PDB file of N, CA and C in Angstrom:
ATOM      1  N   UNK A   1     -11.617 -31.735  18.886  1.00  0.00           N
ATOM      2  CA  UNK A   1     -10.765 -32.501  19.763  1.00  0.00           C
ATOM      3  C   UNK A   1     -10.170 -33.665  18.968  1.00  0.00           C
ATOM      4  N   UNK A   2      -8.877 -33.816  19.047  1.00  0.00           N
ATOM      5  CA  UNK A   2      -8.223 -34.891  18.336  1.00  0.00           C
ATOM      6  C   UNK A   2      -7.932 -34.588  16.877  1.00  0.00           C
ATOM      7  N   UNK A   3      -8.294 -33.372  16.400  1.00  0.00           N
ATOM      8  CA  UNK A   3      -8.045 -32.992  15.013  1.00  0.00           C
ATOM      9  C   UNK A   3      -6.826 -32.084  14.948  1.00  0.00           C
ATOM     10  N   UNK A   4      -6.158 -32.114  13.824  1.00  0.00           N
ATOM     11  CA  UNK A   4      -5.028 -31.223  13.597  1.00  0.00           C
ATOM     12  C   UNK A   4      -5.575 -29.851  13.233  1.00  0.00           C
ATOM     13  N   UNK A   5      -5.119 -28.843  13.928  1.00  0.00           N
ATOM     14  CA  UNK A   5      -5.577 -27.490  13.655  1.00  0.00           C
ATOM     15  C   UNK A   5      -4.950 -26.972  12.368  1.00  0.00           C
ATOM     16  N   UNK A   6      -5.751 -26.317  11.548  1.00  0.00           N
ATOM     17  CA  UNK A   6      -5.249 -25.777  10.289  1.00  0.00           C
ATOM     18  C   UNK A   6      -4.851 -24.312  10.424  1.00  0.00           C
ATOM     19  N   UNK A   7      -5.012 -23.781  11.606  1.00  0.00           N
ATOM     20  CA  UNK A   7      -4.697 -22.369  11.812  1.00  0.00           C
ATOM     21  C   UNK A   7      -3.238 -22.238  12.242  1.00  0.00           C
ATOM     22  N   UNK A   8      -2.553 -21.303  11.610  1.00  0.00           N
ATOM     23  CA  UNK A   8      -1.188 -21.005  12.004  1.00  0.00           C
ATOM     24  C   UNK A   8      -0.930 -19.533  11.720  1.00  0.00           C
ATOM     25  N   UNK A   9       0.171 -19.025  12.201  1.00  0.00           N
ATOM     26  CA  UNK A   9       0.440 -17.601  12.040  1.00  0.00           C
ATOM     27  C   UNK A   9       0.594 -17.194  10.585  1.00  0.00           C
ATOM     28  N   UNK A  10       1.120 -18.073   9.756  1.00  0.00           N
ATOM     29  CA  UNK A  10       1.280 -17.736   8.341  1.00  0.00           C
ATOM     30  C   UNK A  10      -0.084 -17.499   7.691  1.00  0.00           C
ATOM     31  N   UNK A  11      -1.028 -18.407   7.929  1.00  0.00           N
ATOM     32  CA  UNK A  11      -2.382 -18.242   7.388  1.00  0.00           C
ATOM     33  C   UNK A  11      -3.079 -17.041   8.007  1.00  0.00           C
ATOM     34  N   UNK A  12      -2.881 -16.849   9.294  1.00  0.00           N
ATOM     35  CA  UNK A  12      -3.499 -15.713   9.976  1.00  0.00           C
ATOM     36  C   UNK A  12      -2.982 -14.403   9.410  1.00  0.00           C
ATOM     37  N   UNK A  13      -1.692 -14.327   9.143  1.00  0.00           N
ATOM     38  CA  UNK A  13      -1.108 -13.109   8.570  1.00  0.00           C
ATOM     39  C   UNK A  13      -1.679 -12.832   7.176  1.00  0.00           C
ATOM     40  N   UNK A  14      -1.809 -13.857   6.359  1.00  0.00           N
ATOM     41  CA  UNK A  14      -2.387 -13.694   5.019  1.00  0.00           C
ATOM     42  C   UNK A  14      -3.820 -13.184   5.126  1.00  0.00           C
ATOM     43  N   UNK A  15      -4.587 -13.763   6.044  1.00  0.00           N
ATOM     44  CA  UNK A  15      -5.976 -13.345   6.254  1.00  0.00           C
ATOM     45  C   UNK A  15      -6.032 -11.898   6.741  1.00  0.00           C
ATOM     46  N   UNK A  16      -5.172 -11.544   7.692  1.00  0.00           N
ATOM     47  CA  UNK A  16      -5.145 -10.181   8.229  1.00  0.00           C
ATOM     48  C   UNK A  16      -4.791  -9.180   7.135  1.00  0.00           C
ATOM     49  N   UNK A  17      -3.833  -9.522   6.291  1.00  0.00           N
ATOM     50  CA  UNK A  17      -3.451  -8.633   5.194  1.00  0.00           C
ATOM     51  C   UNK A  17      -4.607  -8.448   4.214  1.00  0.00           C
ATOM     52  N   UNK A  18      -5.330  -9.522   3.940  1.00  0.00           N
ATOM     53  CA  UNK A  18      -6.485  -9.437   3.048  1.00  0.00           C
ATOM     54  C   UNK A  18      -7.565  -8.539   3.650  1.00  0.00           C
ATOM     55  N   UNK A  19      -7.786  -8.649   4.950  1.00  0.00           N
ATOM     56  CA  UNK A  19      -8.771  -7.794   5.631  1.00  0.00           C
ATOM     57  C   UNK A  19      -8.373  -6.327   5.521  1.00  0.00           C
ATOM     58  N   UNK A  20      -7.107  -6.045   5.733  1.00  0.00           N
ATOM     59  CA  UNK A  20      -6.614  -4.665   5.634  1.00  0.00           C
ATOM     60  C   UNK A  20      -6.762  -4.142   4.211  1.00  0.00           C
ATOM     61  N   UNK A  21      -6.498  -4.989   3.233  1.00  0.00           N
ATOM     62  CA  UNK A  21      -6.627  -4.593   1.829  1.00  0.00           C
ATOM     63  C   UNK A  21      -8.077  -4.261   1.489  1.00  0.00           C
ATOM     64  N   UNK A  22      -9.000  -5.094   1.934  1.00  0.00           N
ATOM     65  CA  UNK A  22     -10.420  -4.842   1.684  1.00  0.00           C
ATOM     66  C   UNK A  22     -10.847  -3.540   2.354  1.00  0.00           C
ATOM     67  N   UNK A  23     -10.423  -3.322   3.583  1.00  0.00           N
ATOM     68  CA  UNK A  23     -10.760  -2.078   4.283  1.00  0.00           C
ATOM     69  C   UNK A  23     -10.234  -0.879   3.503  1.00  0.00           C
ATOM     70  N   UNK A  24      -9.011  -0.974   3.019  1.00  0.00           N
ATOM     71  CA  UNK A  24      -8.417   0.112   2.234  1.00  0.00           C
ATOM     72  C   UNK A  24      -9.224   0.354   0.954  1.00  0.00           C
ATOM     73  N   UNK A  25      -9.555  -0.714   0.248  1.00  0.00           N
ATOM     74  CA  UNK A  25     -10.325  -0.599  -0.996  1.00  0.00           C
ATOM     75  C   UNK A  25     -11.705  -0.012  -0.757  1.00  0.00           C
ATOM     76  N   UNK A  26     -12.286  -0.316   0.398  1.00  0.00           N
ATOM     77  CA  UNK A  26     -13.619   0.187   0.725  1.00  0.00           C
ATOM     78  C   UNK A  26     -13.579   1.580   1.344  1.00  0.00           C
ATOM     79  N   UNK A  27     -12.381   2.066   1.628  1.00  0.00           N
ATOM     80  CA  UNK A  27     -12.240   3.403   2.200  1.00  0.00           C
ATOM     81  C   UNK A  27     -12.698   3.497   3.640  1.00  0.00           C
ATOM     82  N   UNK A  28     -12.541   2.432   4.380  1.00  0.00           N
ATOM     83  CA  UNK A  28     -12.972   2.438   5.774  1.00  0.00           C
ATOM     84  C   UNK A  28     -11.774   2.331   6.709  1.00  0.00           C
ATOM     85  N   UNK A  29     -11.984   2.685   7.938  1.00  0.00           N
ATOM     86  CA  UNK A  29     -10.939   2.583   8.953  1.00  0.00           C
ATOM     87  C   UNK A  29     -10.794   1.123   9.364  1.00  0.00           C
ATOM     88  N   UNK A  30      -9.594   0.762   9.743  1.00  0.00           N
ATOM     89  CA  UNK A  30      -9.384  -0.574  10.281  1.00  0.00           C
ATOM     90  C   UNK A  30      -8.152  -0.567  11.174  1.00  0.00           C
ATOM     91  N   UNK A  31      -8.070  -1.578  11.985  1.00  0.00           N
ATOM     92  CA  UNK A  31      -6.906  -1.792  12.841  1.00  0.00           C
ATOM     93  C   UNK A  31      -6.328  -3.147  12.459  1.00  0.00           C
ATOM     94  N   UNK A  32      -5.059  -3.166  12.142  1.00  0.00           N
ATOM     95  CA  UNK A  32      -4.379  -4.427  11.841  1.00  0.00           C
ATOM     96  C   UNK A  32      -3.978  -5.051  13.175  1.00  0.00           C
ATOM     97  N   UNK A  33      -4.936  -5.693  13.807  1.00  0.00           N
ATOM     98  CA  UNK A  33      -4.709  -6.252  15.136  1.00  0.00           C
ATOM     99  C   UNK A  33      -3.651  -7.351  15.104  1.00  0.00           C
ATOM    100  N   UNK A  34      -3.598  -8.087  14.015  1.00  0.00           N
ATOM    101  CA  UNK A  34      -2.578  -9.135  13.906  1.00  0.00           C
ATOM    102  C   UNK A  34      -1.182  -8.531  14.043  1.00  0.00           C
ATOM    103  N   UNK A  35      -0.901  -7.484  13.278  1.00  0.00           N
ATOM    104  CA  UNK A  35       0.427  -6.849  13.348  1.00  0.00           C
ATOM    105  C   UNK A  35       0.683  -6.263  14.724  1.00  0.00           C
ATOM    106  N   UNK A  36      -0.345  -5.688  15.315  1.00  0.00           N
ATOM    107  CA  UNK A  36      -0.194  -5.126  16.664  1.00  0.00           C
ATOM    108  C   UNK A  36       0.136  -6.232  17.665  1.00  0.00           C
ATOM    109  N   UNK A  37      -0.511  -7.364  17.519  1.00  0.00           N
ATOM    110  CA  UNK A  37      -0.249  -8.484  18.425  1.00  0.00           C
ATOM    111  C   UNK A  37       1.163  -9.030  18.233  1.00  0.00           C
ATOM    112  N   UNK A  38       1.626  -9.051  16.991  1.00  0.00           N
ATOM    113  CA  UNK A  38       2.960  -9.591  16.709  1.00  0.00           C
ATOM    114  C   UNK A  38       4.071  -8.676  17.233  1.00  0.00           C
ATOM    115  N   UNK A  39       3.733  -7.432  17.551  1.00  0.00           N
ATOM    116  CA  UNK A  39       4.713  -6.496  18.116  1.00  0.00           C
ATOM    117  C   UNK A  39       5.014  -6.807  19.582  1.00  0.00           C
ATOM    118  N   UNK A  40       4.151  -7.581  20.218  1.00  0.00           N
ATOM    119  CA  UNK A  40       4.361  -7.898  21.633  1.00  0.00           C
ATOM    120  C   UNK A  40       5.431  -8.978  21.768  1.00  0.00           C
ATOM    121  N   UNK A  41       6.068  -8.996  22.922  1.00  0.00           N
ATOM    122  CA  UNK A  41       7.136  -9.967  23.164  1.00  0.00           C
ATOM    123  C   UNK A  41       6.625 -11.403  23.072  1.00  0.00           C
ATOM    124  N   UNK A  42       5.443 -11.641  23.623  1.00  0.00           N
ATOM    125  CA  UNK A  42       4.848 -12.976  23.597  1.00  0.00           C
ATOM    126  C   UNK A  42       3.358 -12.822  23.314  1.00  0.00           C
ATOM    127  N   UNK A  43       2.992 -12.899  22.033  1.00  0.00           N
ATOM    128  CA  UNK A  43       1.604 -12.664  21.651  1.00  0.00           C
ATOM    129  C   UNK A  43       0.643 -13.677  22.263  1.00  0.00           C
ATOM    130  N   UNK A  44       1.135 -14.817  22.728  1.00  0.00           N
ATOM    131  CA  UNK A  44       0.234 -15.834  23.277  1.00  0.00           C
ATOM    132  C   UNK A  44      -0.460 -15.364  24.555  1.00  0.00           C
ATOM    133  N   UNK A  45       0.114 -14.375  25.249  1.00  0.00           N
ATOM    134  CA  UNK A  45      -0.550 -13.847  26.450  1.00  0.00           C
ATOM    135  C   UNK A  45      -1.797 -13.052  26.071  1.00  0.00           C
ATOM    136  N   UNK A  46      -1.933 -12.723  24.792  1.00  0.00           N
ATOM    137  CA  UNK A  46      -3.089 -11.970  24.323  1.00  0.00           C
ATOM    138  C   UNK A  46      -4.262 -12.878  23.966  1.00  0.00           C
ATOM    139  N   UNK A  47      -4.022 -14.183  24.044  1.00  0.00           N
ATOM    140  CA  UNK A  47      -5.040 -15.170  23.692  1.00  0.00           C
ATOM    141  C   UNK A  47      -5.290 -16.119  24.855  1.00  0.00           C
ATOM    142  N   UNK A  48      -6.561 -16.454  25.069  1.00  0.00           N
ATOM    143  CA  UNK A  48      -6.913 -17.414  26.123  1.00  0.00           C
ATOM    144  C   UNK A  48      -6.639 -18.845  25.696  1.00  0.00           C
ATOM    145  N   UNK A  49      -6.983 -19.141  24.460  1.00  0.00           N
ATOM    146  CA  UNK A  49      -6.954 -20.531  24.000  1.00  0.00           C
ATOM    147  C   UNK A  49      -6.318 -20.683  22.619  1.00  0.00           C
ATOM    148  N   UNK A  50      -5.569 -19.686  22.216  1.00  0.00           N
ATOM    149  CA  UNK A  50      -4.963 -19.712  20.892  1.00  0.00           C
ATOM    150  C   UNK A  50      -5.818 -19.058  19.832  1.00  0.00           C
ATOM    151  N   UNK A  51      -7.060 -18.721  20.173  1.00  0.00           N
ATOM    152  CA  UNK A  51      -7.987 -18.108  19.224  1.00  0.00           C
ATOM    153  C   UNK A  51      -8.685 -16.891  19.812  1.00  0.00           C
ATOM    154  N   UNK A  52      -9.276 -17.056  20.995  1.00  0.00           N
ATOM    155  CA  UNK A  52     -10.059 -15.989  21.614  1.00  0.00           C
ATOM    156  C   UNK A  52      -9.168 -15.088  22.461  1.00  0.00           C
ATOM    157  N   UNK A  53      -9.478 -13.792  22.414  1.00  0.00           N
ATOM    158  CA  UNK A  53      -8.678 -12.821  23.153  1.00  0.00           C
ATOM    159  C   UNK A  53      -8.774 -13.026  24.657  1.00  0.00           C
ATOM    160  N   UNK A  54      -7.645 -12.880  25.316  1.00  0.00           N
ATOM    161  CA  UNK A  54      -7.592 -12.879  26.779  1.00  0.00           C
ATOM    162  C   UNK A  54      -7.935 -11.468  27.248  1.00  0.00           C
ATOM    163  N   UNK A  55      -7.887 -11.250  28.546  1.00  0.00           N
ATOM    164  CA  UNK A  55      -8.121  -9.909  29.077  1.00  0.00           C
ATOM    165  C   UNK A  55      -7.106  -8.929  28.491  1.00  0.00           C
ATOM    166  N   UNK A  56      -5.844  -9.325  28.419  1.00  0.00           N
ATOM    167  CA  UNK A  56      -4.812  -8.450  27.845  1.00  0.00           C
ATOM    168  C   UNK A  56      -5.056  -8.222  26.356  1.00  0.00           C
ATOM    169  N   UNK A  57      -5.496  -9.243  25.661  1.00  0.00           N
ATOM    170  CA  UNK A  57      -5.813  -9.103  24.245  1.00  0.00           C
ATOM    171  C   UNK A  57      -6.995  -8.178  24.024  1.00  0.00           C
ATOM    172  N   UNK A  58      -7.996  -8.296  24.880  1.00  0.00           N
ATOM    173  CA  UNK A  58      -9.159  -7.415  24.796  1.00  0.00           C
ATOM    174  C   UNK A  58      -8.763  -5.974  25.075  1.00  0.00           C
ATOM    175  N   UNK A  59      -7.852  -5.781  26.010  1.00  0.00           N
ATOM    176  CA  UNK A  59      -7.374  -4.433  26.311  1.00  0.00           C
ATOM    177  C   UNK A  59      -6.634  -3.848  25.108  1.00  0.00           C
ATOM    178  N   UNK A  60      -5.821  -4.659  24.442  1.00  0.00           N
ATOM    179  CA  UNK A  60      -5.124  -4.205  23.236  1.00  0.00           C
ATOM    180  C   UNK A  60      -6.128  -3.826  22.157  1.00  0.00           C
ATOM    181  N   UNK A  61      -7.140  -4.658  21.967  1.00  0.00           N
ATOM    182  CA  UNK A  61      -8.195  -4.375  20.996  1.00  0.00           C
ATOM    183  C   UNK A  61      -8.846  -3.029  21.299  1.00  0.00           C
ATOM    184  N   UNK A  62      -9.198  -2.810  22.559  1.00  0.00           N
ATOM    185  CA  UNK A  62      -9.796  -1.541  22.972  1.00  0.00           C
ATOM    186  C   UNK A  62      -8.837  -0.382  22.731  1.00  0.00           C
ATOM    187  N   UNK A  63      -7.599  -0.536  23.173  1.00  0.00           N
ATOM    188  CA  UNK A  63      -6.616   0.545  23.057  1.00  0.00           C
ATOM    189  C   UNK A  63      -6.385   0.961  21.610  1.00  0.00           C
ATOM    190  N   UNK A  64      -6.470   0.041  20.689  1.00  0.00           N
ATOM    191  CA  UNK A  64      -6.243   0.350  19.276  1.00  0.00           C
ATOM    192  C   UNK A  64      -7.489   0.906  18.592  1.00  0.00           C
ATOM    193  N   UNK A  65      -8.659   0.505  19.040  1.00  0.00           N
ATOM    194  CA  UNK A  65      -9.899   0.982  18.422  1.00  0.00           C
ATOM    195  C   UNK A  65     -10.419   2.277  19.033  1.00  0.00           C
ATOM    196  N   UNK A  66     -10.222   2.460  20.321  1.00  0.00           N
ATOM    197  CA  UNK A  66     -10.801   3.606  21.019  1.00  0.00           C
ATOM    198  C   UNK A  66     -10.435   4.947  20.388  1.00  0.00           C
ATOM    199  N   UNK A  67      -9.178   5.217  20.038  1.00  0.00           N
ATOM    200  CA  UNK A  67      -8.864   6.516  19.429  1.00  0.00           C
ATOM    201  C   UNK A  67      -9.571   6.728  18.087  1.00  0.00           C
ATOM    202  N   UNK A  68      -9.723   5.675  17.324  1.00  0.00           N
ATOM    203  CA  UNK A  68     -10.413   5.785  16.036  1.00  0.00           C
ATOM    204  C   UNK A  68     -11.886   6.098  16.260  1.00  0.00           C
ATOM    205  N   UNK A  69     -12.504   5.368  17.173  1.00  0.00           N
ATOM    206  CA  UNK A  69     -13.920   5.593  17.473  1.00  0.00           C
ATOM    207  C   UNK A  69     -14.121   6.993  18.038  1.00  0.00           C
ATOM    208  N   UNK A  70     -13.233   7.405  18.923  1.00  0.00           N
ATOM    209  CA  UNK A  70     -13.323   8.747  19.512  1.00  0.00           C
ATOM    210  C   UNK A  70     -13.264   9.809  18.424  1.00  0.00           C
ATOM    211  N   UNK A  71     -12.334   9.669  17.506  1.00  0.00           N
ATOM    212  CA  UNK A  71     -12.181  10.646  16.425  1.00  0.00           C
ATOM    213  C   UNK A  71     -13.417  10.677  15.527  1.00  0.00           C
ATOM    214  N   UNK A  72     -13.960   9.513  15.219  1.00  0.00           N
ATOM    215  CA  UNK A  72     -15.119   9.433  14.330  1.00  0.00           C
ATOM    216  C   UNK A  72     -16.414   9.916  14.975  1.00  0.00           C
ATOM    217  N   UNK A  73     -16.475   9.879  16.304  1.00  0.00           N
ATOM    218  CA  UNK A  73     -17.723  10.249  16.987  1.00  0.00           C
ATOM    219  C   UNK A  73     -17.605  11.512  17.833  1.00  0.00           C
ATOM    220  N   UNK A  74     -16.444  12.167  17.805  1.00  0.00           N
ATOM    221  CA  UNK A  74     -16.220  13.338  18.665  1.00  0.00           C
ATOM    222  C   UNK A  74     -17.237  14.446  18.422  1.00  0.00           C
ATOM    223  N   UNK A  75     -17.719  14.567  17.215  1.00  0.00           N
ATOM    224  CA  UNK A  75     -18.669  15.628  16.881  1.00  0.00           C
ATOM    225  C   UNK A  75     -20.105  15.309  17.324  1.00  0.00           C
ATOM    226  N   UNK A  76     -20.347  14.093  17.759  1.00  0.00           N
ATOM    227  CA  UNK A  76     -21.694  13.699  18.159  1.00  0.00           C
ATOM    228  C   UNK A  76     -21.943  14.029  19.625  1.00  0.00           C
ATOM    229  N   UNK A  77     -23.060  14.667  19.920  1.00  0.00           N
ATOM    230  CA  UNK A  77     -23.369  14.928  21.328  1.00  0.00           C
ATOM    231  C   UNK A  77     -23.700  13.626  22.057  1.00  0.00           C
ATOM    232  N   UNK A  78     -23.239  13.520  23.266  1.00  0.00           N
ATOM    233  CA  UNK A  78     -23.471  12.309  24.061  1.00  0.00           C
ATOM    234  C   UNK A  78     -24.957  12.050  24.270  1.00  0.00           C
ATOM    235  N   UNK A  79     -25.763  13.089  24.223  1.00  0.00           N
ATOM    236  CA  UNK A  79     -27.198  12.945  24.453  1.00  0.00           C
ATOM    237  C   UNK A  79     -27.876  12.091  23.386  1.00  0.00           C
ATOM    238  N   UNK A  80     -27.228  11.859  22.281  1.00  0.00           N
ATOM    239  CA  UNK A  80     -27.822  11.018  21.247  1.00  0.00           C
ATOM    240  C   UNK A  80     -27.916   9.575  21.688  1.00  0.00           C
ATOM    241  N   UNK A  81     -27.105   9.216  22.628  1.00  0.00           N
ATOM    242  CA  UNK A  81     -27.043   7.831  23.065  1.00  0.00           C
ATOM    243  C   UNK A  81     -27.499   7.736  24.517  1.00  0.00           C
ATOM    244  N   UNK A  82     -28.482   6.885  24.816  1.00  0.00           N
ATOM    245  CA  UNK A  82     -28.933   6.782  26.204  1.00  0.00           C
ATOM    246  C   UNK A  82     -27.916   6.027  27.054  1.00  0.00           C
ATOM    247  N   UNK A  83     -27.848   6.407  28.306  1.00  0.00           N
ATOM    248  CA  UNK A  83     -27.050   5.634  29.247  1.00  0.00           C
ATOM    249  C   UNK A  83     -27.794   4.330  29.526  1.00  0.00           C
ATOM    250  N   UNK A  84     -27.048   3.295  29.871  1.00  0.00           N
ATOM    251  CA  UNK A  84     -27.671   1.979  30.048  1.00  0.00           C
ATOM    252  C   UNK A  84     -28.782   1.999  31.090  1.00  0.00           C
ATOM    253  N   UNK A  85     -28.635   2.842  32.112  1.00  0.00           N
ATOM    254  CA  UNK A  85     -29.659   2.869  33.162  1.00  0.00           C
ATOM    255  C   UNK A  85     -30.896   3.667  32.744  1.00  0.00           C
ATOM    256  N   UNK A  86     -30.861   4.281  31.568  1.00  0.00           N
ATOM    257  CA  UNK A  86     -32.014   5.021  31.059  1.00  0.00           C
ATOM    258  C   UNK A  86     -32.890   4.162  30.144  1.00  0.00           C
ATOM    259  N   UNK A  87     -32.400   3.008  29.767  1.00  0.00           N
ATOM    260  CA  UNK A  87     -33.139   2.141  28.853  1.00  0.00           C
ATOM    261  C   UNK A  87     -34.264   1.439  29.607  1.00  0.00           C
ATOM    262  N   UNK A  88     -35.475   1.563  29.084  1.00  0.00           N
ATOM    263  CA  UNK A  88     -36.646   0.923  29.683  1.00  0.00           C
ATOM    264  C   UNK A  88     -36.755  -0.501  29.138  1.00  0.00           C
ATOM    265  N   UNK A  89     -36.182  -1.446  29.860  1.00  0.00           N
ATOM    266  CA  UNK A  89     -36.171  -2.832  29.401  1.00  0.00           C
ATOM    267  C   UNK A  89     -37.558  -3.465  29.408  1.00  0.00           C
ATOM    268  N   UNK A  90     -38.433  -2.949  30.259  1.00  0.00           N
ATOM    269  CA  UNK A  90     -39.798  -3.473  30.322  1.00  0.00           C
ATOM    270  C   UNK A  90     -40.580  -3.129  29.058  1.00  0.00           C
ATOM    271  N   UNK A  91     -40.247  -1.987  28.463  1.00  0.00           N
ATOM    272  CA  UNK A  91     -40.952  -1.506  27.266  1.00  0.00           C
ATOM    273  C   UNK A  91     -39.914  -1.106  26.216  1.00  0.00           C
ATOM    274  N   UNK A  92     -39.037  -2.017  25.901  1.00  0.00           N
ATOM    275  CA  UNK A  92     -37.879  -1.722  25.064  1.00  0.00           C
ATOM    276  C   UNK A  92     -38.263  -1.206  23.680  1.00  0.00           C
ATOM    277  N   UNK A  93     -39.187  -1.856  23.020  1.00  0.00           N
ATOM    278  CA  UNK A  93     -39.558  -1.420  21.671  1.00  0.00           C
ATOM    279  C   UNK A  93     -40.095   0.007  21.687  1.00  0.00           C
ATOM    280  N   UNK A  94     -40.982   0.296  22.627  1.00  0.00           N
ATOM    281  CA  UNK A  94     -41.547   1.641  22.739  1.00  0.00           C
ATOM    282  C   UNK A  94     -40.443   2.654  23.034  1.00  0.00           C
ATOM    283  N   UNK A  95     -39.533   2.288  23.921  1.00  0.00           N
ATOM    284  CA  UNK A  95     -38.420   3.175  24.266  1.00  0.00           C
ATOM    285  C   UNK A  95     -37.575   3.478  23.035  1.00  0.00           C
ATOM    286  N   UNK A  96     -37.201   2.435  22.303  1.00  0.00           N
ATOM    287  CA  UNK A  96     -36.339   2.630  21.138  1.00  0.00           C
ATOM    288  C   UNK A  96     -37.027   3.452  20.058  1.00  0.00           C
ATOM    289  N   UNK A  97     -38.315   3.231  19.870  1.00  0.00           N
ATOM    290  CA  UNK A  97     -39.047   3.991  18.861  1.00  0.00           C
ATOM    291  C   UNK A  97     -39.214   5.451  19.254  1.00  0.00           C
ATOM    292  N   UNK A  98     -39.226   5.735  20.538  1.00  0.00           N
ATOM    293  CA  UNK A  98     -39.421   7.112  20.989  1.00  0.00           C
ATOM    294  C   UNK A  98     -38.110   7.856  21.191  1.00  0.00           C
ATOM    295  N   UNK A  99     -37.005   7.132  21.212  1.00  0.00           N
ATOM    296  CA  UNK A  99     -35.715   7.768  21.475  1.00  0.00           C
ATOM    297  C   UNK A  99     -35.302   8.609  20.282  1.00  0.00           C
ATOM    298  N   UNK A 100     -34.888   9.826  20.559  1.00  0.00           N
ATOM    299  CA  UNK A 100     -34.507  10.736  19.484  1.00  0.00           C
ATOM    300  C   UNK A 100     -33.065  10.501  19.058  1.00  0.00           C
ATOM    301  N   UNK A 101     -32.896  10.264  17.772  1.00  0.00           N
ATOM    302  CA  UNK A 101     -31.570  10.107  17.187  1.00  0.00           C
ATOM    303  C   UNK A 101     -31.443  11.140  16.077  1.00  0.00           C
ATOM    304  N   UNK A 102     -30.345  11.861  16.061  1.00  0.00           N
ATOM    305  CA  UNK A 102     -30.088  12.901  15.070  1.00  0.00           C
ATOM    306  C   UNK A 102     -31.184  13.954  15.067  1.00  0.00           C
ATOM    307  N   UNK A 103     -31.777  14.178  16.212  1.00  0.00           N
ATOM    308  CA  UNK A 103     -32.798  15.204  16.327  1.00  0.00           C
ATOM    309  C   UNK A 103     -34.140  14.801  15.749  1.00  0.00           C
ATOM    310  N   UNK A 104     -34.284  13.568  15.339  1.00  0.00           N
ATOM    311  CA  UNK A 104     -35.536  13.103  14.756  1.00  0.00           C
ATOM    312  C   UNK A 104     -36.190  12.107  15.693  1.00  0.00           C
ATOM    313  N   UNK A 105     -37.489  12.135  15.763  1.00  0.00           N
ATOM    314  CA  UNK A 105     -38.184  11.114  16.546  1.00  0.00           C
ATOM    315  C   UNK A 105     -38.972  10.250  15.580  1.00  0.00           C
ATOM    316  N   UNK A 106     -39.165   9.022  15.976  1.00  0.00           N
ATOM    317  CA  UNK A 106     -39.874   8.063  15.119  1.00  0.00           C
ATOM    318  C   UNK A 106     -41.360   8.227  15.318  1.00  0.00           C
TER     319      UNK A 106
END
């Protein structure tokens, strides 16, 4: 409060480009969310406070990541992952240790 913010779109763009470059060098998938946000008519509606995503920003984040995640996990059977209502919160450690992942039990 009362301080001059050092964040601006120019610095954010440089940071976003560096993130994309690192992802490329590491051979991993990434979403250039900065560029996606800049494609909108008014990117400020995607932010609550100039930094944190608003509901619309969160939806954009989901919309851009979901197809990538779907493609990367399409071959995995849903049974590998428990539904939230199947998790035994009272005995969480025991549940997690007994849950079968990749056909293996602990």
